[in-house]
Amino acid sequence: MSAIDTNRVHSGTRSIGFGSKIWAAMTAWNDMRVTKNALNRLSDRELDDIGLSRGDIDRIARAA
């Protein structure tokens, strides 16, 4: 089994403009999509090993 580690560098506390808000929304959507796809590729046995079931995938992806 492999693991994927992603890190994003967030800028300081400067004000966020409209374009930055759109970029943040797109990034959040993509993170959710990637998480959901990765969890869906796992077998039921692998999901059980990490304490999840197929029904948990959407909830976990939204929280990611």
PDB file of N, CA and C in Angstrom:
ATOM      1  N   MET A   1       0.845  -1.177   0.000  1.00  0.00           N
ATOM      2  CA  MET A   1       0.000   0.000   0.000  1.00  0.00           C
ATOM      3  C   MET A   1       0.888   1.236   0.000  1.00  0.00           C
ATOM      4  N   SER A   2       0.494   2.253  -0.683  1.00  0.00           N
ATOM      5  CA  SER A   2       1.290   3.471  -0.747  1.00  0.00           C
ATOM      6  C   SER A   2       0.568   4.606  -0.042  1.00  0.00           C
ATOM      7  N   ALA A   3       1.335   5.625   0.267  1.00  0.00           N
ATOM      8  CA  ALA A   3       0.769   6.805   0.921  1.00  0.00           C
ATOM      9  C   ALA A   3       1.125   8.026   0.090  1.00  0.00           C
ATOM     10  N   ILE A   4       0.224   8.978   0.049  1.00  0.00           N
ATOM     11  CA  ILE A   4       0.460  10.217  -0.671  1.00  0.00           C
ATOM     12  C   ILE A   4       0.473  11.340   0.354  1.00  0.00           C
ATOM     13  N   ASP A   5       1.538  12.121   0.324  1.00  0.00           N
ATOM     14  CA  ASP A   5       1.660  13.231   1.254  1.00  0.00           C
ATOM     15  C   ASP A   5       1.728  14.513   0.448  1.00  0.00           C
ATOM     16  N   THR A   6       0.806  15.426   0.711  1.00  0.00           N
ATOM     17  CA  THR A   6       0.826  16.699   0.011  1.00  0.00           C
ATOM     18  C   THR A   6       0.911  17.816   1.036  1.00  0.00           C
ATOM     19  N   ASN A   7       1.670  18.802   0.718  1.00  0.00           N
ATOM     20  CA  ASN A   7       1.822  19.964   1.589  1.00  0.00           C
ATOM     21  C   ASN A   7       1.578  21.218   0.768  1.00  0.00           C
ATOM     22  N   ARG A   8       0.824  22.109   1.320  1.00  0.00           N
ATOM     23  CA  ARG A   8       0.595  23.397   0.676  1.00  0.00           C
ATOM     24  C   ARG A   8       1.092  24.492   1.595  1.00  0.00           C
ATOM     25  N   VAL A   9       1.739  25.465   1.015  1.00  0.00           N
ATOM     26  CA  VAL A   9       2.232  26.602   1.786  1.00  0.00           C
ATOM     27  C   VAL A   9       1.177  27.686   1.724  1.00  0.00           C
ATOM     28  N   HIS A  10       0.704  28.084   2.884  1.00  0.00           N
ATOM     29  CA  HIS A  10      -0.304  29.139   2.957  1.00  0.00           C
ATOM     30  C   HIS A  10       0.392  30.450   3.278  1.00  0.00           C
ATOM     31  N   SER A  11      -0.023  31.506   2.599  1.00  0.00           N
ATOM     32  CA  SER A  11       0.563  32.808   2.866  1.00  0.00           C
ATOM     33  C   SER A  11       0.087  33.322   4.219  1.00  0.00           C
ATOM     34  N   GLY A  12       0.672  34.361   4.675  1.00  0.00           N
ATOM     35  CA  GLY A  12       0.376  34.921   5.996  1.00  0.00           C
ATOM     36  C   GLY A  12      -1.065  35.346   6.170  1.00  0.00           C
ATOM     37  N   THR A  13      -1.305  36.346   6.968  1.00  0.00           N
ATOM     38  CA  THR A  13      -2.669  36.754   7.304  1.00  0.00           C
ATOM     39  C   THR A  13      -3.133  37.937   6.465  1.00  0.00           C
ATOM     40  N   ARG A  14      -2.546  38.130   5.310  1.00  0.00           N
ATOM     41  CA  ARG A  14      -2.963  39.253   4.461  1.00  0.00           C
ATOM     42  C   ARG A  14      -4.406  39.046   3.994  1.00  0.00           C
ATOM     43  N   SER A  15      -5.044  40.101   3.606  1.00  0.00           N
ATOM     44  CA  SER A  15      -6.436  39.995   3.189  1.00  0.00           C
ATOM     45  C   SER A  15      -6.542  39.171   1.910  1.00  0.00           C
ATOM     46  N   ILE A  16      -7.616  38.417   1.821  1.00  0.00           N
ATOM     47  CA  ILE A  16      -7.823  37.524   0.681  1.00  0.00           C
ATOM     48  C   ILE A  16      -8.742  38.206  -0.321  1.00  0.00           C
ATOM     49  N   GLY A  17      -8.277  38.358  -1.540  1.00  0.00           N
ATOM     50  CA  GLY A  17      -9.075  38.968  -2.591  1.00  0.00           C
ATOM     51  C   GLY A  17      -9.999  37.962  -3.228  1.00  0.00           C
ATOM     52  N   PHE A  18     -10.809  38.444  -4.148  1.00  0.00           N
ATOM     53  CA  PHE A  18     -11.790  37.598  -4.816  1.00  0.00           C
ATOM     54  C   PHE A  18     -11.129  36.439  -5.552  1.00  0.00           C
ATOM     55  N   GLY A  19     -10.055  36.719  -6.283  1.00  0.00           N
ATOM     56  CA  GLY A  19      -9.350  35.673  -7.019  1.00  0.00           C
ATOM     57  C   GLY A  19      -8.785  34.616  -6.083  1.00  0.00           C
ATOM     58  N   SER A  20      -8.286  35.052  -4.934  1.00  0.00           N
ATOM     59  CA  SER A  20      -7.742  34.104  -3.956  1.00  0.00           C
ATOM     60  C   SER A  20      -8.837  33.225  -3.372  1.00  0.00           C
ATOM     61  N   LYS A  21     -10.023  33.787  -3.198  1.00  0.00           N
ATOM     62  CA  LYS A  21     -11.147  33.001  -2.681  1.00  0.00           C
ATOM     63  C   LYS A  21     -11.557  31.932  -3.687  1.00  0.00           C
ATOM     64  N   ILE A  22     -11.563  32.301  -4.951  1.00  0.00           N
ATOM     65  CA  ILE A  22     -11.895  31.321  -5.992  1.00  0.00           C
ATOM     66  C   ILE A  22     -10.835  30.230  -6.011  1.00  0.00           C
ATOM     67  N   TRP A  23      -9.563  30.632  -5.959  1.00  0.00           N
ATOM     68  CA  TRP A  23      -8.474  29.657  -5.953  1.00  0.00           C
ATOM     69  C   TRP A  23      -8.597  28.722  -4.743  1.00  0.00           C
ATOM     70  N   ALA A  24      -8.920  29.258  -3.573  1.00  0.00           N
ATOM     71  CA  ALA A  24      -9.067  28.443  -2.366  1.00  0.00           C
ATOM     72  C   ALA A  24     -10.229  27.462  -2.513  1.00  0.00           C
ATOM     73  N   ALA A  25     -11.329  27.906  -3.108  1.00  0.00           N
ATOM     74  CA  ALA A  25     -12.482  27.019  -3.315  1.00  0.00           C
ATOM     75  C   ALA A  25     -12.138  25.900  -4.289  1.00  0.00           C
ATOM     76  N   MET A  26     -11.414  26.226  -5.352  1.00  0.00           N
ATOM     77  CA  MET A  26     -11.014  25.205  -6.320  1.00  0.00           C
ATOM     78  C   MET A  26     -10.037  24.211  -5.688  1.00  0.00           C
ATOM     79  N   THR A  27      -9.136  24.704  -4.872  1.00  0.00           N
ATOM     80  CA  THR A  27      -8.179  23.840  -4.192  1.00  0.00           C
ATOM     81  C   THR A  27      -8.888  22.906  -3.227  1.00  0.00           C
ATOM     82  N   ALA A  28      -9.849  23.424  -2.473  1.00  0.00           N
ATOM     83  CA  ALA A  28     -10.616  22.601  -1.531  1.00  0.00           C
ATOM     84  C   ALA A  28     -11.415  21.534  -2.274  1.00  0.00           C
ATOM     85  N   TRP A  29     -12.026  21.913  -3.401  1.00  0.00           N
ATOM     86  CA  TRP A  29     -12.779  20.951  -4.206  1.00  0.00           C
ATOM     87  C   TRP A  29     -11.860  19.845  -4.721  1.00  0.00           C
ATOM     88  N   ASN A  30     -10.668  20.232  -5.194  1.00  0.00           N
ATOM     89  CA  ASN A  30      -9.739  19.238  -5.724  1.00  0.00           C
ATOM     90  C   ASN A  30      -9.237  18.313  -4.612  1.00  0.00           C
ATOM     91  N   ASP A  31      -8.953  18.852  -3.439  1.00  0.00           N
ATOM     92  CA  ASP A  31      -8.526  18.021  -2.307  1.00  0.00           C
ATOM     93  C   ASP A  31      -9.606  16.996  -1.965  1.00  0.00           C
ATOM     94  N   MET A  32     -10.867  17.433  -1.969  1.00  0.00           N
ATOM     95  CA  MET A  32     -11.979  16.534  -1.671  1.00  0.00           C
ATOM     96  C   MET A  32     -12.068  15.439  -2.729  1.00  0.00           C
ATOM     97  N   ARG A  33     -11.922  15.816  -3.978  1.00  0.00           N
ATOM     98  CA  ARG A  33     -11.987  14.866  -5.090  1.00  0.00           C
ATOM     99  C   ARG A  33     -10.867  13.833  -4.999  1.00  0.00           C
ATOM    100  N   VAL A  34      -9.648  14.288  -4.720  1.00  0.00           N
ATOM    101  CA  VAL A  34      -8.500  13.385  -4.626  1.00  0.00           C
ATOM    102  C   VAL A  34      -8.672  12.421  -3.451  1.00  0.00           C
ATOM    103  N   THR A  35      -9.118  12.938  -2.309  1.00  0.00           N
ATOM    104  CA  THR A  35      -9.334  12.092  -1.133  1.00  0.00           C
ATOM    105  C   THR A  35     -10.396  11.039  -1.411  1.00  0.00           C
ATOM    106  N   LYS A  36     -11.499  11.463  -2.010  1.00  0.00           N
ATOM    107  CA  LYS A  36     -12.593  10.533  -2.315  1.00  0.00           C
ATOM    108  C   LYS A  36     -12.138   9.439  -3.281  1.00  0.00           C
ATOM    109  N   ASN A  37     -11.397   9.816  -4.315  1.00  0.00           N
ATOM    110  CA  ASN A  37     -10.910   8.834  -5.277  1.00  0.00           C
ATOM    111  C   ASN A  37      -9.933   7.856  -4.633  1.00  0.00           C
ATOM    112  N   ALA A  38      -9.048   8.363  -3.770  1.00  0.00           N
ATOM    113  CA  ALA A  38      -8.080   7.486  -3.112  1.00  0.00           C
ATOM    114  C   ALA A  38      -8.778   6.488  -2.196  1.00  0.00           C
ATOM    115  N   LEU A  39      -9.769   6.945  -1.445  1.00  0.00           N
ATOM    116  CA  LEU A  39     -10.494   6.039  -0.556  1.00  0.00           C
ATOM    117  C   LEU A  39     -11.336   5.037  -1.337  1.00  0.00           C
ATOM    118  N   ASN A  40     -11.898   5.463  -2.452  1.00  0.00           N
ATOM    119  CA  ASN A  40     -12.704   4.545  -3.273  1.00  0.00           C
ATOM    120  C   ASN A  40     -11.860   3.442  -3.909  1.00  0.00           C
ATOM    121  N   ARG A  41     -10.566   3.689  -4.104  1.00  0.00           N
ATOM    122  CA  ARG A  41      -9.686   2.665  -4.675  1.00  0.00           C
ATOM    123  C   ARG A  41      -9.324   1.583  -3.661  1.00  0.00           C
ATOM    124  N   LEU A  42      -9.522   1.839  -2.365  1.00  0.00           N
ATOM    125  CA  LEU A  42      -9.199   0.846  -1.349  1.00  0.00           C
ATOM    126  C   LEU A  42     -10.250  -0.261  -1.331  1.00  0.00           C
ATOM    127  N   SER A  43      -9.824  -1.444  -0.979  1.00  0.00           N
ATOM    128  CA  SER A  43     -10.765  -2.562  -0.840  1.00  0.00           C
ATOM    129  C   SER A  43     -11.537  -2.402   0.471  1.00  0.00           C
ATOM    130  N   ASP A  44     -12.621  -3.159   0.607  1.00  0.00           N
ATOM    131  CA  ASP A  44     -13.390  -3.123   1.847  1.00  0.00           C
ATOM    132  C   ASP A  44     -12.515  -3.536   3.034  1.00  0.00           C
ATOM    133  N   ARG A  45     -11.644  -4.491   2.812  1.00  0.00           N
ATOM    134  CA  ARG A  45     -10.738  -4.957   3.870  1.00  0.00           C
ATOM    135  C   ARG A  45      -9.777  -3.839   4.301  1.00  0.00           C
ATOM    136  N   GLU A  46      -9.221  -3.119   3.340  1.00  0.00           N
ATOM    137  CA  GLU A  46      -8.310  -2.016   3.656  1.00  0.00           C
ATOM    138  C   GLU A  46      -9.040  -0.890   4.390  1.00  0.00           C
ATOM    139  N   LEU A  47     -10.263  -0.593   3.955  1.00  0.00           N
ATOM    140  CA  LEU A  47     -11.053   0.424   4.653  1.00  0.00           C
ATOM    141  C   LEU A  47     -11.327  -0.004   6.091  1.00  0.00           C
ATOM    142  N   ASP A  48     -11.653  -1.269   6.275  1.00  0.00           N
ATOM    143  CA  ASP A  48     -11.905  -1.787   7.619  1.00  0.00           C
ATOM    144  C   ASP A  48     -10.652  -1.689   8.488  1.00  0.00           C
ATOM    145  N   ASP A  49      -9.488  -1.909   7.898  1.00  0.00           N
ATOM    146  CA  ASP A  49      -8.228  -1.808   8.632  1.00  0.00           C
ATOM    147  C   ASP A  49      -7.995  -0.408   9.197  1.00  0.00           C
ATOM    148  N   ILE A  50      -8.471   0.605   8.495  1.00  0.00           N
ATOM    149  CA  ILE A  50      -8.292   1.975   8.987  1.00  0.00           C
ATOM    150  C   ILE A  50      -9.542   2.504   9.682  1.00  0.00           C
ATOM    151  N   GLY A  51     -10.503   1.619   9.921  1.00  0.00           N
ATOM    152  CA  GLY A  51     -11.678   1.985  10.702  1.00  0.00           C
ATOM    153  C   GLY A  51     -12.755   2.714   9.932  1.00  0.00           C
ATOM    154  N   LEU A  52     -12.814   2.508   8.617  1.00  0.00           N
ATOM    155  CA  LEU A  52     -13.819   3.168   7.789  1.00  0.00           C
ATOM    156  C   LEU A  52     -14.652   2.142   7.041  1.00  0.00           C
ATOM    157  N   SER A  53     -15.798   2.596   6.555  1.00  0.00           N
ATOM    158  CA  SER A  53     -16.625   1.783   5.667  1.00  0.00           C
ATOM    159  C   SER A  53     -16.912   2.622   4.423  1.00  0.00           C
ATOM    160  N   ARG A  54     -17.469   2.001   3.416  1.00  0.00           N
ATOM    161  CA  ARG A  54     -17.788   2.730   2.173  1.00  0.00           C
ATOM    162  C   ARG A  54     -18.699   3.931   2.448  1.00  0.00           C
ATOM    163  N   GLY A  55     -19.583   3.797   3.421  1.00  0.00           N
ATOM    164  CA  GLY A  55     -20.503   4.885   3.747  1.00  0.00           C
ATOM    165  C   GLY A  55     -19.819   6.093   4.372  1.00  0.00           C
ATOM    166  N   ASP A  56     -18.615   5.929   4.873  1.00  0.00           N
ATOM    167  CA  ASP A  56     -17.880   7.028   5.504  1.00  0.00           C
ATOM    168  C   ASP A  56     -17.115   7.893   4.502  1.00  0.00           C
ATOM    169  N   ILE A  57     -16.942   7.419   3.290  1.00  0.00           N
ATOM    170  CA  ILE A  57     -16.053   8.080   2.337  1.00  0.00           C
ATOM    171  C   ILE A  57     -16.485   9.514   2.047  1.00  0.00           C
ATOM    172  N   ASP A  58     -17.760   9.742   1.762  1.00  0.00           N
ATOM    173  CA  ASP A  58     -18.209  11.112   1.460  1.00  0.00           C
ATOM    174  C   ASP A  58     -17.978  12.059   2.634  1.00  0.00           C
ATOM    175  N   ARG A  59     -18.283  11.587   3.839  1.00  0.00           N
ATOM    176  CA  ARG A  59     -18.099  12.432   5.029  1.00  0.00           C
ATOM    177  C   ARG A  59     -16.629  12.766   5.240  1.00  0.00           C
ATOM    178  N   ILE A  60     -15.770  11.788   5.096  1.00  0.00           N
ATOM    179  CA  ILE A  60     -14.337  12.001   5.278  1.00  0.00           C
ATOM    180  C   ILE A  60     -13.797  12.934   4.205  1.00  0.00           C
ATOM    181  N   ALA A  61     -14.228  12.759   2.965  1.00  0.00           N
ATOM    182  CA  ALA A  61     -13.751  13.601   1.868  1.00  0.00           C
ATOM    183  C   ALA A  61     -14.156  15.051   2.086  1.00  0.00           C
ATOM    184  N   ARG A  62     -15.366  15.279   2.570  1.00  0.00           N
ATOM    185  CA  ARG A  62     -15.812  16.666   2.820  1.00  0.00           C
ATOM    186  C   ARG A  62     -15.029  17.303   3.951  1.00  0.00           C
ATOM    187  N   ALA A  63     -14.588  16.508   4.906  1.00  0.00           N
ATOM    188  CA  ALA A  63     -13.844  17.056   6.039  1.00  0.00           C
ATOM    189  C   ALA A  63     -12.373  17.294   5.713  1.00  0.00           C
ATOM    190  N   ALA A  64     -11.898  16.678   4.645  1.00  0.00           N
ATOM    191  CA  ALA A  64     -10.468  16.793   4.296  1.00  0.00           C
ATOM    192  C   ALA A  64     -10.111  18.160   3.768  1.00  0.00           C
TER     193      ALA A  64
END
